[in-house]
Amino acid sequence: MWQAEIRVDLDAIRDNVATLRAGTTAEVMAVVKADGYGHGMLASARAALAGGASWLGVATLDEALTLRGAGITAPVFAWLHSPGLALHEGLTAGVDLNASTLGQLGELVTAARRVERPARVHLKIDTGLARAGATAAEWPALVEAAAKAQADGDLEIVGVWSHFVRSDEPDHETNDHQLAAFAEALAVAERIGIEPRYRHIANSAATLTRPDAHYDLVRPGVAIYGLSPLAGPQPPGLRPAMTARARVILTKRVPAGQGVSYGHAYHTTGETTLALVPLGYGDGVPRHASNVGPVLLGGKVRTIAGRVCMDQIVLDCDDDPVRAGDVATLFGPGTGGEPTATDWADAIGTINYEIVTRFGGSRVPRVYDGEVA
């Protein structure tokens, strides 16, 4: 008998990737960083590859090495590495790495010479996000240095890439400005003699809405888990893969005016039944969900009563016949009347990415469903 669990439908991940793949002529890099957005990196990666992804994307070198250590041989791109990392380990494992600066490029050349094999590199241009990536002023020098290193046999320039600022607003002029800046960066690279096999800028939202941004490779992240990065209706063909639920520990009758949970931020309005659910912020439930988080219990969507605790939440169930052992569903695909991760995000003023990622690595067991499980 389980007490609390995170269920992940791997067939949903596979099918979501297949839907995205069918909508583009580009190859698909499934982003499985942050433990697969809380869904489990290795299982999500295998499901994504089964759905037609030809690449996997992660943030850190450690994530990439974990994929390789699990026997995954598909191309892997890791883009976030600080100075002094053992980049040679990534090169030995056949991991593609990012270069945004001359310093990063130099470290890659050093690593390549150490292992006596060229580093597979994607050069990043900052088209407006102001995170990683060379500025337009820095870009020619980065490309020229990379071209020289390639001529010397120290690296192979596999890709040129960037990242959107406002792709969740597909018609915003910023997207057009970024695409123009990206095109100019590619033109600069071409004039220097670099024509990368892969040009990539499209994340989930751009994969869904901006075919003009697809180029050779798209990098969907949250969409492969069935969550929409866009306002409005759920995109067709995508279904959420994660369900978070727990069994009620106990119920009790309390009088009107009873304060509930820490600080008594909630008071009952009449005699009522309270249900104790064993999930809290130690498991991934946002503390900001106090008094606003929706939970399906006993056929009704109820709101968390009072503050979210480290290990538990309380639901006010009125006179409904709920009892210990009943299943309370925080979120899921929404097909059974339960809230979705997007409903939770809307309730607390965040994004659905954060909701599901919070549950990665928690003490709650993760259970996999589906043929690819």
Protein backbone atom coordinates (compact mmCIF):
# COMPACT_ATOMS: atom_id res chain seq x y z
CA MET A 1 0.00 0.00 0.00
CA TRP A 2 1.42 3.38 -1.00
CA GLN A 3 1.07 6.58 1.02
CA ALA A 4 2.12 9.20 -1.54
CA GLU A 5 3.44 8.86 -5.07
CA ILE A 6 4.40 10.64 -8.25
CA ARG A 7 3.16 8.71 -11.28
CA VAL A 8 4.81 9.36 -14.62
CA ASP A 9 3.24 8.16 -17.86
CA LEU A 10 6.21 7.44 -20.10
CA ASP A 11 3.95 6.70 -23.06
CA ALA A 12 2.71 10.27 -22.77
CA ILE A 13 6.29 11.54 -23.04
CA ARG A 14 6.92 9.29 -26.02
CA ASP A 15 3.72 10.40 -27.74
CA ASN A 16 4.31 14.08 -26.96
CA VAL A 17 7.70 13.87 -28.64
CA ALA A 18 6.17 12.09 -31.62
CA THR A 19 3.60 14.90 -31.92
CA LEU A 20 6.32 17.55 -31.83
CA ARG A 21 8.43 15.60 -34.30
CA ALA A 22 5.52 15.37 -36.72
CA GLY A 23 5.16 19.15 -36.67
CA THR A 24 8.62 20.01 -37.95
CA THR A 25 11.15 19.12 -40.59
CA ALA A 26 13.92 19.71 -38.05
CA GLU A 27 15.46 17.14 -35.76
CA VAL A 28 14.26 17.13 -32.15
CA MET A 29 16.47 17.60 -29.11
CA ALA A 30 14.46 16.50 -26.08
CA VAL A 31 15.53 18.54 -23.05
CA VAL A 32 15.78 16.29 -19.99
CA LYS A 33 17.69 18.56 -17.60
CA ALA A 34 16.70 18.98 -13.94
CA ASP A 35 15.93 15.28 -13.63
CA GLY A 36 13.64 15.44 -16.63
CA TYR A 37 11.75 18.42 -15.20
CA GLY A 38 11.02 16.22 -12.18
CA HIS A 39 9.86 13.24 -14.26
CA GLY A 40 13.13 11.30 -14.02
CA MET A 41 15.94 12.03 -16.46
CA LEU A 42 16.87 8.54 -17.59
CA ALA A 43 13.33 7.24 -18.03
CA SER A 44 12.26 10.45 -19.77
CA ALA A 45 15.26 10.32 -22.08
CA ARG A 46 14.50 6.78 -23.17
CA ALA A 47 10.83 7.62 -23.71
CA ALA A 48 11.76 10.71 -25.74
CA LEU A 49 14.12 8.72 -27.94
CA ALA A 50 11.37 6.15 -28.48
CA GLY A 51 9.14 9.00 -29.63
CA GLY A 52 11.56 10.14 -32.31
CA ALA A 53 13.96 12.53 -30.60
CA SER A 54 17.44 12.21 -32.08
CA TRP A 55 19.21 14.43 -29.51
CA LEU A 56 19.07 14.93 -25.75
CA GLY A 57 19.73 18.27 -24.07
CA VAL A 58 20.89 18.87 -20.51
CA ALA A 59 22.26 21.81 -18.58
CA THR A 60 25.25 20.30 -16.78
CA LEU A 61 28.14 18.04 -17.63
CA ASP A 62 27.21 15.76 -14.73
CA GLU A 63 23.76 15.26 -16.24
CA ALA A 64 25.31 14.38 -19.58
CA LEU A 65 27.72 11.90 -17.99
CA THR A 66 24.82 10.29 -16.14
CA LEU A 67 23.08 9.69 -19.47
CA ARG A 68 26.23 8.17 -20.90
CA GLY A 69 26.79 6.08 -17.78
CA ALA A 70 23.32 4.61 -18.25
CA GLY A 71 24.24 3.42 -21.72
CA ILE A 72 22.47 6.12 -23.73
CA THR A 73 24.43 6.66 -26.95
CA ALA A 74 22.30 9.33 -28.68
CA PRO A 75 23.90 12.76 -29.22
CA VAL A 76 23.89 14.75 -25.97
CA PHE A 77 24.42 18.50 -25.66
CA ALA A 78 25.31 20.11 -22.31
CA TRP A 79 25.54 23.90 -22.18
CA LEU A 80 26.19 25.16 -18.65
CA HIS A 81 29.74 24.72 -17.36
CA SER A 82 31.79 26.91 -15.10
CA PRO A 83 35.57 27.37 -15.35
CA GLY A 84 37.73 24.49 -14.21
CA LEU A 85 35.33 21.62 -14.86
CA ALA A 86 36.73 18.33 -16.13
CA LEU A 87 35.59 18.97 -19.68
CA HIS A 88 37.86 16.21 -20.95
CA GLU A 89 35.51 13.71 -19.31
CA GLY A 90 32.68 15.03 -21.43
CA LEU A 91 34.78 14.84 -24.58
CA THR A 92 35.80 11.28 -23.80
CA ALA A 93 32.13 10.42 -23.37
CA GLY A 94 31.22 12.02 -26.68
CA VAL A 95 29.24 14.91 -25.20
CA ASP A 96 28.73 18.09 -27.20
CA LEU A 97 29.58 21.23 -25.21
CA ASN A 98 28.86 24.95 -25.44
CA ALA A 99 31.21 27.87 -25.97
CA SER A 100 29.98 31.41 -25.31
CA THR A 101 33.33 33.10 -24.65
CA LEU A 102 36.94 32.91 -25.71
CA GLY A 103 37.74 31.58 -22.24
CA GLN A 104 35.32 28.69 -22.61
CA LEU A 105 36.65 27.98 -26.07
CA GLY A 106 40.19 27.89 -24.71
CA GLU A 107 39.22 25.38 -22.02
CA LEU A 108 37.63 23.16 -24.67
CA VAL A 109 40.79 23.29 -26.79
CA THR A 110 42.87 22.34 -23.74
CA ALA A 111 40.53 19.46 -22.97
CA ALA A 112 40.61 18.29 -26.59
CA ARG A 113 44.40 18.19 -26.61
CA ARG A 114 44.42 16.28 -23.34
CA VAL A 115 42.23 13.48 -24.72
CA GLU A 116 43.59 13.78 -28.27
CA ARG A 117 40.20 14.10 -29.88
CA PRO A 118 38.36 17.17 -31.22
CA ALA A 119 35.79 18.80 -28.96
CA ARG A 120 32.30 18.88 -30.48
CA VAL A 121 31.23 22.48 -29.88
CA HIS A 122 28.10 24.58 -30.26
CA LEU A 123 28.83 28.32 -30.35
CA LYS A 124 26.22 30.47 -28.62
CA ILE A 125 25.20 33.93 -29.74
CA ASP A 126 23.28 36.14 -27.31
CA THR A 127 20.38 37.49 -29.35
CA GLY A 128 18.78 39.35 -26.46
CA LEU A 129 18.26 37.13 -23.43
CA ALA A 130 21.44 38.48 -21.80
CA ARG A 131 22.39 35.19 -20.21
CA ALA A 132 25.06 33.01 -21.83
CA GLY A 133 26.24 33.68 -25.35
CA ALA A 134 28.58 36.08 -27.07
CA THR A 135 27.27 39.57 -27.72
CA ALA A 136 27.12 40.79 -31.31
CA ALA A 137 30.35 42.72 -30.67
CA GLU A 138 32.12 39.64 -29.30
CA TRP A 139 30.75 37.20 -31.84
CA PRO A 140 33.25 37.66 -34.73
CA ALA A 141 36.23 37.08 -32.46
CA LEU A 142 34.65 33.95 -30.97
CA VAL A 143 33.87 32.51 -34.40
CA GLU A 144 37.32 33.35 -35.77
CA ALA A 145 39.00 31.65 -32.79
CA ALA A 146 36.73 28.63 -33.18
CA ALA A 147 37.46 28.44 -36.90
CA LYS A 148 41.21 28.45 -36.20
CA ALA A 149 40.84 25.73 -33.55
CA GLN A 150 38.82 23.68 -36.00
CA ALA A 151 41.49 24.10 -38.66
CA ASP A 152 44.05 22.97 -36.09
CA GLY A 153 42.04 19.83 -35.42
CA ASP A 154 41.21 20.74 -31.83
CA LEU A 155 37.47 21.08 -32.25
CA GLU A 156 34.53 20.49 -34.54
CA ILE A 157 31.96 23.27 -34.77
CA VAL A 158 28.75 21.26 -34.73
CA GLY A 159 26.24 24.01 -34.06
CA VAL A 160 25.40 27.67 -33.63
CA TRP A 161 22.59 28.40 -31.23
CA SER A 162 20.67 30.91 -29.15
CA HIS A 163 17.62 31.14 -26.89
CA PHE A 164 14.38 33.12 -27.01
CA VAL A 165 13.25 35.77 -24.55
CA ARG A 166 9.48 35.83 -25.19
CA SER A 167 8.59 32.83 -27.30
CA ASP A 168 5.60 32.23 -25.01
CA GLU A 169 4.24 35.35 -26.71
CA PRO A 170 4.65 34.14 -30.30
CA ASP A 171 3.64 37.39 -31.99
CA HIS A 172 5.79 39.65 -29.86
CA GLU A 173 8.22 41.72 -31.90
CA THR A 174 11.12 40.61 -29.69
CA ASN A 175 10.99 37.20 -31.34
CA ASP A 176 11.40 38.73 -34.78
CA HIS A 177 14.28 40.88 -33.57
CA GLN A 178 16.00 37.81 -32.15
CA LEU A 179 15.54 35.82 -35.32
CA ALA A 180 17.06 38.68 -37.29
CA ALA A 181 20.01 38.82 -34.88
CA PHE A 182 20.43 35.05 -35.15
CA ALA A 183 20.39 35.22 -38.94
CA GLU A 184 23.05 37.94 -38.86
CA ALA A 185 25.22 35.85 -36.53
CA LEU A 186 24.94 32.93 -38.93
CA ALA A 187 25.92 35.24 -41.81
CA VAL A 188 28.97 36.41 -39.88
CA ALA A 189 29.97 32.81 -39.24
CA GLU A 190 29.51 31.96 -42.91
CA ARG A 191 31.73 34.87 -43.97
CA ILE A 192 34.42 33.50 -41.66
CA GLY A 193 33.99 30.08 -43.25
CA ILE A 194 31.81 28.35 -40.66
CA GLU A 195 28.63 26.62 -41.80
CA PRO A 196 27.41 24.50 -38.87
CA ARG A 197 25.39 21.34 -39.39
CA TYR A 198 22.95 22.42 -36.70
CA ARG A 199 21.43 25.85 -36.19
CA HIS A 200 19.03 25.93 -33.25
CA ILE A 201 17.06 28.52 -31.31
CA ALA A 202 13.53 27.09 -30.90
CA ASN A 203 12.41 26.01 -27.44
CA SER A 204 8.99 24.47 -26.66
CA ALA A 205 6.93 27.56 -27.43
CA ALA A 206 8.76 28.29 -30.67
CA THR A 207 8.56 24.63 -31.67
CA LEU A 208 4.77 24.87 -31.30
CA THR A 209 4.20 28.30 -32.85
CA ARG A 210 7.17 29.56 -34.90
CA PRO A 211 8.13 27.22 -37.74
CA ASP A 212 10.34 30.00 -39.08
CA ALA A 213 12.57 29.40 -36.04
CA HIS A 214 12.99 25.65 -36.46
CA TYR A 215 16.13 25.65 -38.61
CA ASP A 216 17.86 22.25 -38.31
CA LEU A 217 17.07 21.36 -34.70
CA VAL A 218 14.40 22.27 -32.14
CA ARG A 219 14.84 21.97 -28.37
CA PRO A 220 11.47 21.32 -26.69
CA GLY A 221 11.58 20.97 -22.94
CA VAL A 222 8.37 21.36 -20.98
CA ALA A 223 6.26 20.38 -24.00
CA ILE A 224 7.68 16.86 -24.09
CA TYR A 225 6.18 16.36 -20.64
CA GLY A 226 2.78 17.44 -21.98
CA LEU A 227 2.74 20.91 -20.44
CA SER A 228 2.06 24.01 -22.47
CA PRO A 229 4.40 27.00 -22.35
CA LEU A 230 1.65 29.12 -23.85
CA ALA A 231 -1.39 30.91 -22.49
CA GLY A 232 -4.73 29.53 -23.58
CA PRO A 233 -5.93 26.01 -24.45
CA GLN A 234 -3.73 22.96 -24.24
CA PRO A 235 -1.97 22.38 -27.58
CA PRO A 236 -3.50 19.41 -29.42
CA GLY A 237 -1.62 16.17 -29.14
CA LEU A 238 0.10 16.91 -25.85
CA ARG A 239 -0.90 15.26 -22.58
CA PRO A 240 0.65 15.85 -19.16
CA ALA A 241 2.74 12.94 -17.98
CA MET A 242 2.92 13.55 -14.21
CA THR A 243 0.35 12.90 -11.49
CA ALA A 244 0.97 13.76 -7.82
CA ARG A 245 -1.28 12.14 -5.25
CA ALA A 246 -1.44 10.84 -1.69
CA ARG A 247 -3.78 8.95 0.59
CA VAL A 248 -5.57 10.76 3.39
CA ILE A 249 -3.93 9.97 6.74
CA LEU A 250 -6.90 10.84 8.94
CA THR A 251 -10.06 12.89 9.11
CA LYS A 252 -11.59 14.73 12.05
CA ARG A 253 -14.68 16.77 12.81
CA VAL A 254 -14.00 20.25 14.13
CA PRO A 255 -16.29 23.13 15.14
CA ALA A 256 -16.92 26.44 13.43
CA GLY A 257 -14.12 28.95 13.95
CA GLN A 258 -11.40 26.34 14.29
CA GLY A 259 -8.00 27.66 13.20
CA VAL A 260 -6.12 25.30 10.90
CA SER A 261 -2.37 24.72 10.51
CA TYR A 262 0.47 27.08 11.46
CA GLY A 263 -0.49 30.61 12.33
CA HIS A 264 -4.20 29.80 11.96
CA ALA A 265 -4.20 31.45 8.53
CA TYR A 266 -7.46 29.61 7.89
CA HIS A 267 -10.56 29.28 10.08
CA THR A 268 -13.50 26.99 9.47
CA THR A 269 -16.82 28.70 8.78
CA GLY A 270 -18.94 25.95 10.24
CA GLU A 271 -18.68 22.49 11.73
CA THR A 272 -16.71 20.52 9.17
CA THR A 273 -14.49 17.55 8.38
CA LEU A 274 -10.78 18.15 7.94
CA ALA A 275 -8.64 15.71 5.96
CA LEU A 276 -4.90 15.41 6.49
CA VAL A 277 -2.87 14.70 3.32
CA PRO A 278 0.80 13.62 3.67
CA LEU A 279 2.44 15.91 1.11
CA GLY A 280 4.14 19.19 1.96
CA TYR A 281 6.87 21.57 0.89
CA GLY A 282 9.46 18.92 1.74
CA ASP A 283 7.96 16.91 -1.09
CA GLY A 284 7.54 19.68 -3.63
CA VAL A 285 4.25 21.34 -2.69
CA PRO A 286 4.89 25.10 -2.90
CA ARG A 287 4.37 26.88 0.42
CA HIS A 288 2.80 29.67 -1.64
CA ALA A 289 -0.07 27.23 -2.24
CA SER A 290 -1.30 27.93 1.31
CA ASN A 291 -5.03 28.68 1.14
CA VAL A 292 -5.04 28.54 -2.68
CA GLY A 293 -3.73 25.16 -3.91
CA PRO A 294 -6.42 22.99 -5.55
CA VAL A 295 -6.72 19.28 -4.68
CA LEU A 296 -9.22 16.67 -5.90
CA LEU A 297 -10.64 14.60 -3.05
CA GLY A 298 -13.93 12.75 -2.87
CA GLY A 299 -15.01 13.87 -6.31
CA LYS A 300 -14.58 17.58 -5.58
CA VAL A 301 -11.75 20.03 -6.12
CA ARG A 302 -10.99 21.58 -2.75
CA THR A 303 -8.57 24.30 -1.70
CA ILE A 304 -5.76 23.76 0.79
CA ALA A 305 -6.93 25.00 4.19
CA GLY A 306 -4.22 27.02 5.90
CA ARG A 307 -0.49 26.90 5.48
CA VAL A 308 1.37 24.19 3.64
CA CYS A 309 3.61 22.36 6.14
CA MET A 310 6.84 20.53 5.45
CA ASP A 311 5.14 17.13 5.37
CA GLN A 312 1.41 17.71 5.06
CA ILE A 313 -1.55 19.80 4.00
CA VAL A 314 -5.10 20.00 5.31
CA LEU A 315 -8.32 20.07 3.29
CA ASP A 316 -11.68 21.37 4.50
CA CYS A 317 -14.24 18.83 3.27
CA ASP A 318 -17.46 20.24 4.77
CA ASP A 319 -19.85 17.37 5.46
CA ASP A 320 -18.65 15.16 2.62
CA PRO A 321 -17.98 11.50 3.51
CA VAL A 322 -14.21 11.45 3.13
CA ARG A 323 -12.16 9.02 5.16
CA ALA A 324 -8.63 7.84 5.83
CA GLY A 325 -7.20 6.03 2.83
CA ASP A 326 -9.08 8.09 0.23
CA VAL A 327 -6.88 9.36 -2.59
CA ALA A 328 -6.21 13.10 -2.86
CA THR A 329 -4.84 14.17 -6.25
CA LEU A 330 -2.94 17.42 -6.36
CA PHE A 331 -2.52 17.47 -10.12
CA GLY A 332 -2.51 15.21 -13.14
CA PRO A 333 -3.53 15.26 -16.80
CA GLY A 334 -6.94 16.69 -15.92
CA THR A 335 -8.90 13.93 -17.59
CA GLY A 336 -10.43 12.74 -14.33
CA GLY A 337 -11.50 16.13 -13.06
CA GLU A 338 -8.28 16.69 -11.13
CA PRO A 339 -6.35 19.97 -11.31
CA THR A 340 -3.42 20.18 -13.69
CA ALA A 341 0.07 21.49 -13.03
CA THR A 342 -1.01 24.56 -14.98
CA ASP A 343 -3.96 25.04 -12.61
CA TRP A 344 -1.49 24.96 -9.73
CA ALA A 345 0.78 27.43 -11.46
CA ASP A 346 -2.11 29.79 -12.06
CA ALA A 347 -3.21 29.49 -8.43
CA ILE A 348 0.14 30.55 -7.00
CA GLY A 349 1.39 32.87 -9.73
CA THR A 350 4.19 30.79 -11.24
CA ILE A 351 4.72 28.55 -14.28
CA ASN A 352 3.90 24.88 -14.71
CA TYR A 353 7.60 24.14 -15.25
CA GLU A 354 8.24 24.95 -11.59
CA ILE A 355 5.35 22.86 -10.28
CA VAL A 356 6.51 19.57 -11.80
CA THR A 357 10.22 20.22 -11.33
CA ARG A 358 9.69 20.76 -7.59
CA PHE A 359 8.73 17.09 -7.26
CA GLY A 360 11.98 15.82 -8.76
CA GLY A 361 14.29 14.23 -6.23
CA SER A 362 11.74 14.40 -3.43
CA ARG A 363 11.20 11.61 -0.90
CA VAL A 364 7.98 10.67 -2.65
CA PRO A 365 8.41 7.49 -4.73
CA ARG A 366 8.24 7.97 -8.49
CA VAL A 367 6.28 5.25 -10.27
CA TYR A 368 6.39 4.75 -14.04
CA ASP A 369 3.48 3.70 -16.24
CA GLY A 370 3.31 2.81 -19.92
CA GLU A 371 4.65 0.35 -22.42
CA VAL A 372 8.05 2.04 -22.48
CA ALA A 373 8.36 1.91 -18.68
